[in-house]
Amino acid sequence: MRFYLFIVALITVMTACSTTTVYIVRHGEKVNESDTTNLSPAGYARAVALADTLANRGIDSIFSTPFRRTRQTVGPLAQRLGVRVVDYPAKPNEAIVNRIRQIRNKTVLVAGHSNTILEIARGLGANPTMTTIASGDFDNLLRVRIHYGPFRKSVTLSETTYGQMTPP
């Protein structure tokens, strides 16, 4: 009987472990500063580069703010993978952070804005080295890995870039 209880406890502890990977990006380059603007040609090229970069990373879910530029940024990847884009409100950041915290053993992409992506990473427990995203900076790719162990949670952050640098 003790051996059986030990096995049940061991299986319970092992199945409690999971890792969620979250890729966070800002939308690509945009035509102008209006809220309803489209991506520029450079932004569309960046969206394709994002699809090329993440196509083989096992993306299960894609979240985007409802703005046209963020949806266009994730569009090529969503189409390539056959994954539906799910809208989330741009503010407050807690809405998407809380949603991601409920996800286990999945890989997700979140597209946001220069004033939200670092806050989303922080909300997930990461500590980005950047303090702000400059208005002309569109190439940041943050990867937050959240490992839920049987006794504690650990978070790691990888900060990189993708696509071509936009000329000034």
N, C-alpha and C. Protein backbone atom coordinates (compact mmCIF):
# COMPACT_ATOMS: atom_id res chain seq x y z
N MET A 1 0.82 -1.20 0.00
CA MET A 1 0.00 0.00 0.00
C MET A 1 0.86 1.26 0.00
N ARG A 2 1.93 1.29 0.81
CA ARG A 2 2.81 2.46 0.85
C ARG A 2 3.46 2.70 -0.50
N PHE A 3 3.87 1.62 -1.13
CA PHE A 3 4.50 1.75 -2.44
C PHE A 3 3.53 2.37 -3.44
N TYR A 4 2.28 1.94 -3.41
CA TYR A 4 1.25 2.49 -4.28
C TYR A 4 1.06 3.98 -4.03
N LEU A 5 0.97 4.39 -2.79
CA LEU A 5 0.83 5.81 -2.45
C LEU A 5 2.05 6.60 -2.90
N PHE A 6 3.23 6.02 -2.75
CA PHE A 6 4.45 6.68 -3.22
C PHE A 6 4.39 6.90 -4.73
N ILE A 7 3.99 5.91 -5.48
CA ILE A 7 3.90 6.02 -6.94
C ILE A 7 2.87 7.08 -7.32
N VAL A 8 1.73 7.09 -6.69
CA VAL A 8 0.70 8.10 -6.96
C VAL A 8 1.24 9.49 -6.65
N ALA A 9 1.92 9.65 -5.53
CA ALA A 9 2.50 10.95 -5.17
C ALA A 9 3.56 11.36 -6.17
N LEU A 10 4.40 10.43 -6.59
CA LEU A 10 5.44 10.73 -7.57
C LEU A 10 4.85 11.16 -8.90
N ILE A 11 3.85 10.47 -9.36
CA ILE A 11 3.18 10.83 -10.62
C ILE A 11 2.53 12.21 -10.49
N THR A 12 1.91 12.48 -9.37
CA THR A 12 1.28 13.79 -9.14
C THR A 12 2.32 14.90 -9.20
N VAL A 13 3.46 14.70 -8.55
CA VAL A 13 4.51 15.72 -8.55
C VAL A 13 5.07 15.91 -9.96
N MET A 14 5.29 14.82 -10.67
CA MET A 14 5.87 14.92 -12.02
C MET A 14 4.92 15.57 -13.00
N THR A 15 3.63 15.29 -12.89
CA THR A 15 2.68 15.90 -13.82
C THR A 15 2.41 17.36 -13.45
N ALA A 16 2.79 17.77 -12.25
CA ALA A 16 2.62 19.17 -11.87
C ALA A 16 3.67 20.05 -12.52
N CYS A 17 4.72 19.47 -13.07
CA CYS A 17 5.78 20.23 -13.73
C CYS A 17 5.34 20.57 -15.16
N SER A 18 5.58 21.79 -15.55
CA SER A 18 5.28 22.21 -16.92
C SER A 18 6.09 23.44 -17.25
N THR A 19 6.23 23.67 -18.54
CA THR A 19 6.93 24.86 -19.02
C THR A 19 6.09 25.55 -20.06
N THR A 20 5.89 26.84 -19.89
CA THR A 20 5.21 27.67 -20.86
C THR A 20 6.23 28.63 -21.44
N THR A 21 6.27 28.72 -22.76
CA THR A 21 7.17 29.64 -23.44
C THR A 21 6.34 30.74 -24.08
N VAL A 22 6.73 31.98 -23.83
CA VAL A 22 5.99 33.14 -24.34
C VAL A 22 6.94 34.01 -25.14
N TYR A 23 6.66 34.17 -26.42
CA TYR A 23 7.40 35.11 -27.26
C TYR A 23 6.61 36.42 -27.27
N ILE A 24 7.31 37.52 -27.07
CA ILE A 24 6.65 38.83 -27.01
C ILE A 24 7.33 39.75 -28.02
N VAL A 25 6.53 40.38 -28.89
CA VAL A 25 7.06 41.30 -29.90
C VAL A 25 6.20 42.56 -29.96
N ARG A 26 6.83 43.59 -30.44
CA ARG A 26 6.10 44.81 -30.78
C ARG A 26 5.66 44.67 -32.23
N HIS A 27 4.60 45.34 -32.59
CA HIS A 27 4.16 45.34 -33.99
C HIS A 27 5.29 45.86 -34.89
N GLY A 28 5.20 45.55 -36.17
CA GLY A 28 6.19 46.01 -37.13
C GLY A 28 6.04 47.49 -37.45
N GLU A 29 6.95 47.97 -38.29
CA GLU A 29 6.94 49.37 -38.69
C GLU A 29 5.59 49.75 -39.29
N LYS A 30 5.15 50.96 -38.98
CA LYS A 30 3.81 51.40 -39.39
C LYS A 30 3.90 52.59 -40.33
N VAL A 31 2.81 52.81 -41.07
CA VAL A 31 2.76 53.89 -42.05
C VAL A 31 2.81 55.25 -41.37
N ASN A 32 2.02 55.42 -40.30
CA ASN A 32 1.99 56.71 -39.59
C ASN A 32 1.65 56.47 -38.12
N GLU A 33 1.42 57.52 -37.39
CA GLU A 33 1.20 57.43 -35.95
C GLU A 33 -0.27 57.27 -35.55
N SER A 34 -1.17 57.15 -36.51
CA SER A 34 -2.58 57.02 -36.15
C SER A 34 -2.87 55.63 -35.58
N ASP A 35 -3.93 55.53 -34.81
CA ASP A 35 -4.30 54.24 -34.21
C ASP A 35 -4.78 53.22 -35.23
N THR A 36 -5.22 53.70 -36.39
CA THR A 36 -5.78 52.79 -37.39
C THR A 36 -4.83 52.51 -38.55
N THR A 37 -3.57 52.84 -38.39
CA THR A 37 -2.63 52.70 -39.49
C THR A 37 -2.29 51.24 -39.79
N ASN A 38 -1.88 51.01 -41.02
CA ASN A 38 -1.39 49.71 -41.46
C ASN A 38 0.11 49.63 -41.26
N LEU A 39 0.66 48.44 -41.45
CA LEU A 39 2.11 48.31 -41.49
C LEU A 39 2.63 48.93 -42.79
N SER A 40 3.83 49.44 -42.71
CA SER A 40 4.52 49.95 -43.89
C SER A 40 5.10 48.75 -44.65
N PRO A 41 5.67 48.96 -45.85
CA PRO A 41 6.34 47.84 -46.52
C PRO A 41 7.42 47.19 -45.64
N ALA A 42 8.16 47.99 -44.89
CA ALA A 42 9.17 47.43 -43.98
C ALA A 42 8.49 46.62 -42.87
N GLY A 43 7.33 47.06 -42.42
CA GLY A 43 6.59 46.34 -41.39
C GLY A 43 6.07 45.00 -41.90
N TYR A 44 5.60 44.99 -43.16
CA TYR A 44 5.16 43.71 -43.74
C TYR A 44 6.34 42.76 -43.89
N ALA A 45 7.49 43.29 -44.28
CA ALA A 45 8.69 42.44 -44.38
C ALA A 45 9.06 41.90 -43.01
N ARG A 46 8.91 42.71 -41.97
CA ARG A 46 9.21 42.26 -40.62
C ARG A 46 8.22 41.18 -40.18
N ALA A 47 6.96 41.30 -40.57
CA ALA A 47 5.96 40.30 -40.22
C ALA A 47 6.31 38.95 -40.86
N VAL A 48 6.80 38.97 -42.08
CA VAL A 48 7.24 37.74 -42.74
C VAL A 48 8.48 37.18 -42.03
N ALA A 49 9.38 38.06 -41.63
CA ALA A 49 10.58 37.62 -40.89
C ALA A 49 10.19 36.99 -39.56
N LEU A 50 9.18 37.54 -38.91
CA LEU A 50 8.70 36.95 -37.66
C LEU A 50 8.15 35.55 -37.92
N ALA A 51 7.38 35.40 -38.98
CA ALA A 51 6.85 34.08 -39.33
C ALA A 51 7.99 33.10 -39.61
N ASP A 52 9.02 33.56 -40.33
CA ASP A 52 10.16 32.69 -40.62
C ASP A 52 10.90 32.31 -39.33
N THR A 53 11.02 33.25 -38.41
CA THR A 53 11.75 33.02 -37.16
C THR A 53 11.02 32.06 -36.24
N LEU A 54 9.70 32.16 -36.17
CA LEU A 54 8.94 31.39 -35.18
C LEU A 54 8.18 30.19 -35.76
N ALA A 55 8.24 29.98 -37.05
CA ALA A 55 7.44 28.93 -37.69
C ALA A 55 7.69 27.55 -37.10
N ASN A 56 8.90 27.25 -36.69
CA ASN A 56 9.23 25.92 -36.18
C ASN A 56 9.42 25.89 -34.67
N ARG A 57 8.83 26.84 -33.97
CA ARG A 57 8.99 26.91 -32.51
C ARG A 57 7.81 26.32 -31.75
N GLY A 58 6.87 25.75 -32.44
CA GLY A 58 5.74 25.09 -31.77
C GLY A 58 4.70 26.05 -31.21
N ILE A 59 4.49 27.17 -31.87
CA ILE A 59 3.50 28.15 -31.40
C ILE A 59 2.11 27.51 -31.39
N ASP A 60 1.47 27.53 -30.23
CA ASP A 60 0.12 26.97 -30.06
C ASP A 60 -0.95 28.05 -30.12
N SER A 61 -0.62 29.25 -29.64
CA SER A 61 -1.60 30.34 -29.54
C SER A 61 -0.93 31.65 -29.91
N ILE A 62 -1.72 32.53 -30.52
CA ILE A 62 -1.23 33.86 -30.89
C ILE A 62 -2.20 34.89 -30.35
N PHE A 63 -1.66 35.83 -29.57
CA PHE A 63 -2.46 36.91 -29.00
C PHE A 63 -2.00 38.23 -29.58
N SER A 64 -2.95 39.10 -29.88
CA SER A 64 -2.65 40.41 -30.46
C SER A 64 -3.62 41.44 -29.91
N THR A 65 -3.13 42.66 -29.75
CA THR A 65 -4.08 43.73 -29.45
C THR A 65 -4.95 43.90 -30.69
N PRO A 66 -6.11 44.53 -30.57
CA PRO A 66 -7.02 44.61 -31.72
C PRO A 66 -6.60 45.62 -32.79
N PHE A 67 -5.47 46.28 -32.61
CA PHE A 67 -5.04 47.26 -33.59
C PHE A 67 -4.58 46.57 -34.88
N ARG A 68 -4.86 47.21 -35.97
CA ARG A 68 -4.53 46.66 -37.29
C ARG A 68 -3.06 46.28 -37.41
N ARG A 69 -2.16 47.15 -36.92
CA ARG A 69 -0.73 46.92 -37.09
C ARG A 69 -0.23 45.69 -36.32
N THR A 70 -0.82 45.42 -35.16
CA THR A 70 -0.39 44.22 -34.42
C THR A 70 -0.95 42.96 -35.07
N ARG A 71 -2.18 43.01 -35.51
CA ARG A 71 -2.78 41.85 -36.19
C ARG A 71 -2.04 41.56 -37.49
N GLN A 72 -1.64 42.60 -38.21
CA GLN A 72 -0.88 42.39 -39.45
C GLN A 72 0.51 41.82 -39.17
N THR A 73 1.07 42.16 -38.04
CA THR A 73 2.40 41.65 -37.68
C THR A 73 2.37 40.15 -37.45
N VAL A 74 1.34 39.63 -36.82
CA VAL A 74 1.26 38.19 -36.55
C VAL A 74 0.53 37.42 -37.64
N GLY A 75 -0.07 38.13 -38.58
CA GLY A 75 -0.86 37.50 -39.63
C GLY A 75 -0.14 36.43 -40.44
N PRO A 76 1.06 36.72 -40.97
CA PRO A 76 1.74 35.69 -41.76
C PRO A 76 2.03 34.41 -40.96
N LEU A 77 2.41 34.53 -39.70
CA LEU A 77 2.67 33.35 -38.88
C LEU A 77 1.37 32.59 -38.62
N ALA A 78 0.32 33.31 -38.26
CA ALA A 78 -0.97 32.68 -38.00
C ALA A 78 -1.46 31.91 -39.22
N GLN A 79 -1.32 32.52 -40.38
CA GLN A 79 -1.75 31.87 -41.62
C GLN A 79 -0.90 30.63 -41.90
N ARG A 80 0.40 30.75 -41.74
CA ARG A 80 1.30 29.64 -42.00
C ARG A 80 1.01 28.45 -41.08
N LEU A 81 0.71 28.75 -39.81
CA LEU A 81 0.49 27.68 -38.84
C LEU A 81 -0.97 27.23 -38.74
N GLY A 82 -1.88 28.02 -39.31
CA GLY A 82 -3.30 27.71 -39.17
C GLY A 82 -3.80 27.94 -37.76
N VAL A 83 -3.22 28.94 -37.09
CA VAL A 83 -3.59 29.27 -35.71
C VAL A 83 -4.40 30.57 -35.73
N ARG A 84 -5.51 30.57 -35.02
CA ARG A 84 -6.37 31.75 -34.94
C ARG A 84 -5.72 32.80 -34.04
N VAL A 85 -5.81 34.06 -34.45
CA VAL A 85 -5.30 35.17 -33.63
C VAL A 85 -6.40 35.58 -32.65
N VAL A 86 -6.04 35.63 -31.37
CA VAL A 86 -6.99 36.00 -30.32
C VAL A 86 -6.65 37.41 -29.84
N ASP A 87 -7.64 38.29 -29.87
CA ASP A 87 -7.44 39.66 -29.41
C ASP A 87 -7.40 39.73 -27.89
N TYR A 88 -6.60 40.67 -27.40
CA TYR A 88 -6.60 41.02 -25.98
C TYR A 88 -6.52 42.54 -25.91
N PRO A 89 -7.04 43.16 -24.85
CA PRO A 89 -7.00 44.62 -24.75
C PRO A 89 -5.57 45.12 -24.53
N ALA A 90 -5.22 46.21 -25.20
CA ALA A 90 -3.87 46.77 -25.07
C ALA A 90 -3.57 47.20 -23.64
N LYS A 91 -4.53 47.66 -22.94
CA LYS A 91 -4.38 48.06 -21.53
C LYS A 91 -5.60 47.59 -20.78
N PRO A 92 -5.53 47.17 -19.57
CA PRO A 92 -4.33 47.04 -18.77
C PRO A 92 -3.56 45.77 -19.15
N ASN A 93 -2.26 45.79 -18.90
CA ASN A 93 -1.40 44.65 -19.22
C ASN A 93 -1.79 43.40 -18.43
N GLU A 94 -2.41 43.59 -17.29
CA GLU A 94 -2.79 42.45 -16.46
C GLU A 94 -3.72 41.50 -17.19
N ALA A 95 -4.49 42.00 -18.15
CA ALA A 95 -5.44 41.14 -18.86
C ALA A 95 -4.70 40.01 -19.58
N ILE A 96 -3.67 40.34 -20.34
CA ILE A 96 -2.93 39.31 -21.06
C ILE A 96 -2.02 38.53 -20.12
N VAL A 97 -1.43 39.18 -19.15
CA VAL A 97 -0.57 38.49 -18.19
C VAL A 97 -1.36 37.41 -17.45
N ASN A 98 -2.54 37.74 -16.97
CA ASN A 98 -3.37 36.77 -16.25
C ASN A 98 -3.80 35.62 -17.16
N ARG A 99 -4.07 35.94 -18.40
CA ARG A 99 -4.46 34.88 -19.34
C ARG A 99 -3.30 33.91 -19.58
N ILE A 100 -2.09 34.46 -19.75
CA ILE A 100 -0.93 33.62 -19.99
C ILE A 100 -0.61 32.77 -18.76
N ARG A 101 -0.79 33.32 -17.58
CA ARG A 101 -0.51 32.56 -16.36
C ARG A 101 -1.36 31.30 -16.25
N GLN A 102 -2.47 31.26 -16.94
CA GLN A 102 -3.35 30.09 -16.90
C GLN A 102 -2.93 29.02 -17.92
N ILE A 103 -2.01 29.34 -18.80
CA ILE A 103 -1.58 28.42 -19.85
C ILE A 103 -0.43 27.57 -19.34
N ARG A 104 -0.49 26.28 -19.59
CA ARG A 104 0.57 25.36 -19.19
C ARG A 104 1.01 24.51 -20.38
N ASN A 105 2.32 24.28 -20.44
CA ASN A 105 2.91 23.41 -21.47
C ASN A 105 2.56 23.84 -22.89
N LYS A 106 2.52 25.12 -23.14
CA LYS A 106 2.22 25.65 -24.47
C LYS A 106 3.29 26.67 -24.83
N THR A 107 3.31 27.02 -26.11
CA THR A 107 4.19 28.08 -26.61
C THR A 107 3.30 29.10 -27.28
N VAL A 108 3.39 30.35 -26.82
CA VAL A 108 2.49 31.39 -27.32
C VAL A 108 3.28 32.59 -27.82
N LEU A 109 2.64 33.34 -28.69
CA LEU A 109 3.17 34.61 -29.20
C LEU A 109 2.22 35.71 -28.78
N VAL A 110 2.79 36.79 -28.26
CA VAL A 110 2.01 37.96 -27.88
C VAL A 110 2.56 39.15 -28.64
N ALA A 111 1.71 39.84 -29.39
CA ALA A 111 2.11 41.06 -30.10
C ALA A 111 1.50 42.26 -29.40
N GLY A 112 2.35 43.22 -29.09
CA GLY A 112 1.90 44.40 -28.37
C GLY A 112 2.52 45.66 -28.93
N HIS A 113 2.82 46.58 -28.05
CA HIS A 113 3.26 47.92 -28.43
C HIS A 113 4.51 48.32 -27.63
N SER A 114 5.13 49.41 -28.06
CA SER A 114 6.37 49.83 -27.41
C SER A 114 6.18 50.11 -25.92
N ASN A 115 4.98 50.51 -25.53
CA ASN A 115 4.73 50.83 -24.12
C ASN A 115 4.08 49.67 -23.36
N THR A 116 4.02 48.47 -23.98
CA THR A 116 3.42 47.34 -23.27
C THR A 116 4.30 46.09 -23.21
N ILE A 117 5.17 45.86 -24.17
CA ILE A 117 5.84 44.55 -24.23
C ILE A 117 6.77 44.30 -23.05
N LEU A 118 7.47 45.32 -22.61
CA LEU A 118 8.35 45.13 -21.45
C LEU A 118 7.54 44.90 -20.18
N GLU A 119 6.41 45.59 -20.07
CA GLU A 119 5.54 45.43 -18.90
C GLU A 119 4.92 44.03 -18.87
N ILE A 120 4.60 43.50 -20.03
CA ILE A 120 4.07 42.14 -20.08
C ILE A 120 5.13 41.16 -19.60
N ALA A 121 6.37 41.32 -20.09
CA ALA A 121 7.46 40.44 -19.65
C ALA A 121 7.65 40.55 -18.14
N ARG A 122 7.63 41.77 -17.61
CA ARG A 122 7.78 41.95 -16.16
C ARG A 122 6.62 41.31 -15.40
N GLY A 123 5.42 41.45 -15.94
CA GLY A 123 4.25 40.86 -15.30
C GLY A 123 4.33 39.34 -15.22
N LEU A 124 5.07 38.74 -16.16
CA LEU A 124 5.27 37.29 -16.15
C LEU A 124 6.42 36.87 -15.25
N GLY A 125 7.11 37.85 -14.66
CA GLY A 125 8.19 37.54 -13.72
C GLY A 125 9.58 37.70 -14.29
N ALA A 126 9.70 38.19 -15.53
CA ALA A 126 11.02 38.40 -16.15
C ALA A 126 11.54 39.79 -15.82
N ASN A 127 12.84 39.99 -16.00
CA ASN A 127 13.46 41.28 -15.76
C ASN A 127 14.22 41.74 -17.00
N PRO A 128 13.53 42.37 -17.95
CA PRO A 128 14.21 42.84 -19.17
C PRO A 128 15.33 43.82 -18.84
N THR A 129 16.40 43.78 -19.64
CA THR A 129 17.50 44.73 -19.45
C THR A 129 17.13 46.11 -19.97
N MET A 130 16.25 46.17 -20.95
CA MET A 130 15.80 47.45 -21.49
C MET A 130 14.80 48.08 -20.53
N THR A 131 14.83 49.40 -20.47
CA THR A 131 13.85 50.08 -19.64
C THR A 131 12.72 50.67 -20.47
N THR A 132 13.00 50.96 -21.73
CA THR A 132 11.98 51.47 -22.66
C THR A 132 12.28 50.94 -24.06
N ILE A 133 11.26 51.01 -24.91
CA ILE A 133 11.41 50.68 -26.32
C ILE A 133 11.29 51.99 -27.09
N ALA A 134 12.32 52.33 -27.83
CA ALA A 134 12.32 53.59 -28.59
C ALA A 134 11.26 53.54 -29.69
N SER A 135 10.79 54.70 -30.11
CA SER A 135 9.71 54.75 -31.10
C SER A 135 10.09 54.10 -32.43
N GLY A 136 11.36 54.10 -32.79
CA GLY A 136 11.79 53.49 -34.04
C GLY A 136 12.34 52.09 -33.90
N ASP A 137 12.12 51.47 -32.75
CA ASP A 137 12.67 50.14 -32.45
C ASP A 137 11.57 49.09 -32.60
N PHE A 138 11.66 48.28 -33.65
CA PHE A 138 10.61 47.32 -33.95
C PHE A 138 11.09 45.88 -33.96
N ASP A 139 12.36 45.62 -33.66
CA ASP A 139 12.91 44.29 -33.90
C ASP A 139 13.15 43.45 -32.66
N ASN A 140 12.66 43.87 -31.51
CA ASN A 140 12.88 43.10 -30.27
C ASN A 140 12.03 41.84 -30.24
N LEU A 141 12.66 40.75 -29.83
CA LEU A 141 11.97 39.48 -29.65
C LEU A 141 12.33 38.98 -28.27
N LEU A 142 11.37 39.02 -27.37
CA LEU A 142 11.57 38.56 -26.00
C LEU A 142 11.02 37.14 -25.89
N ARG A 143 11.77 36.27 -25.24
CA ARG A 143 11.28 34.91 -24.96
C ARG A 143 11.30 34.70 -23.45
N VAL A 144 10.13 34.53 -22.89
CA VAL A 144 9.98 34.27 -21.46
C VAL A 144 9.60 32.81 -21.30
N ARG A 145 10.41 32.09 -20.54
CA ARG A 145 10.10 30.69 -20.23
C ARG A 145 9.71 30.61 -18.76
N ILE A 146 8.53 30.07 -18.53
CA ILE A 146 8.02 29.93 -17.17
C ILE A 146 7.96 28.44 -16.87
N HIS A 147 8.79 28.00 -15.95
CA HIS A 147 8.80 26.59 -15.57
C HIS A 147 8.12 26.47 -14.22
N TYR A 148 7.06 25.67 -14.22
CA TYR A 148 6.32 25.41 -12.99
C TYR A 148 6.78 24.05 -12.47
N GLY A 149 7.55 24.08 -11.41
CA GLY A 149 8.02 22.84 -10.79
C GLY A 149 7.08 22.41 -9.69
N PRO A 150 7.36 21.30 -9.07
CA PRO A 150 6.48 20.82 -8.01
C PRO A 150 6.48 21.72 -6.77
N PHE A 151 7.59 22.45 -6.57
CA PHE A 151 7.69 23.25 -5.36
C PHE A 151 7.90 24.74 -5.60
N ARG A 152 8.26 25.11 -6.85
CA ARG A 152 8.47 26.53 -7.12
C ARG A 152 8.38 26.80 -8.62
N LYS A 153 8.28 28.06 -8.93
CA LYS A 153 8.22 28.52 -10.32
C LYS A 153 9.53 29.23 -10.61
N SER A 154 10.08 29.04 -11.82
CA SER A 154 11.26 29.79 -12.24
C SER A 154 10.98 30.43 -13.59
N VAL A 155 11.55 31.61 -13.80
CA VAL A 155 11.33 32.36 -15.03
C VAL A 155 12.68 32.74 -15.62
N THR A 156 12.85 32.49 -16.92
CA THR A 156 14.06 32.92 -17.62
C THR A 156 13.65 33.79 -18.79
N LEU A 157 14.54 34.69 -19.15
CA LEU A 157 14.27 35.63 -20.24
C LEU A 157 15.42 35.61 -21.22
N SER A 158 15.07 35.57 -22.49
CA SER A 158 16.03 35.72 -23.57
C SER A 158 15.61 36.94 -24.38
N GLU A 159 16.55 37.86 -24.61
CA GLU A 159 16.27 39.07 -25.38
C GLU A 159 17.10 39.02 -26.66
N THR A 160 16.42 39.05 -27.79
CA THR A 160 17.11 39.01 -29.08
C THR A 160 16.37 39.91 -30.06
N THR A 161 16.77 39.88 -31.30
CA THR A 161 16.10 40.64 -32.34
C THR A 161 15.80 39.72 -33.52
N TYR A 162 14.98 40.20 -34.43
CA TYR A 162 14.66 39.45 -35.63
C TYR A 162 14.44 40.42 -36.77
N GLY A 163 14.54 39.92 -38.01
CA GLY A 163 14.29 40.75 -39.19
C GLY A 163 15.43 41.71 -39.47
N GLN A 164 15.23 42.48 -40.50
CA GLN A 164 16.23 43.47 -40.92
C GLN A 164 16.10 44.74 -40.09
N MET A 165 17.22 45.38 -39.84
CA MET A 165 17.20 46.66 -39.15
C MET A 165 16.57 47.70 -40.07
N THR A 166 15.71 48.53 -39.51
CA THR A 166 15.06 49.57 -40.28
C THR A 166 16.01 50.75 -40.44
N PRO A 167 16.23 51.21 -41.69
CA PRO A 167 17.09 52.39 -41.85
C PRO A 167 16.45 53.62 -41.21
N PRO A 168 17.28 54.51 -40.64
CA PRO A 168 16.74 55.70 -39.96
C PRO A 168 16.04 56.64 -40.92
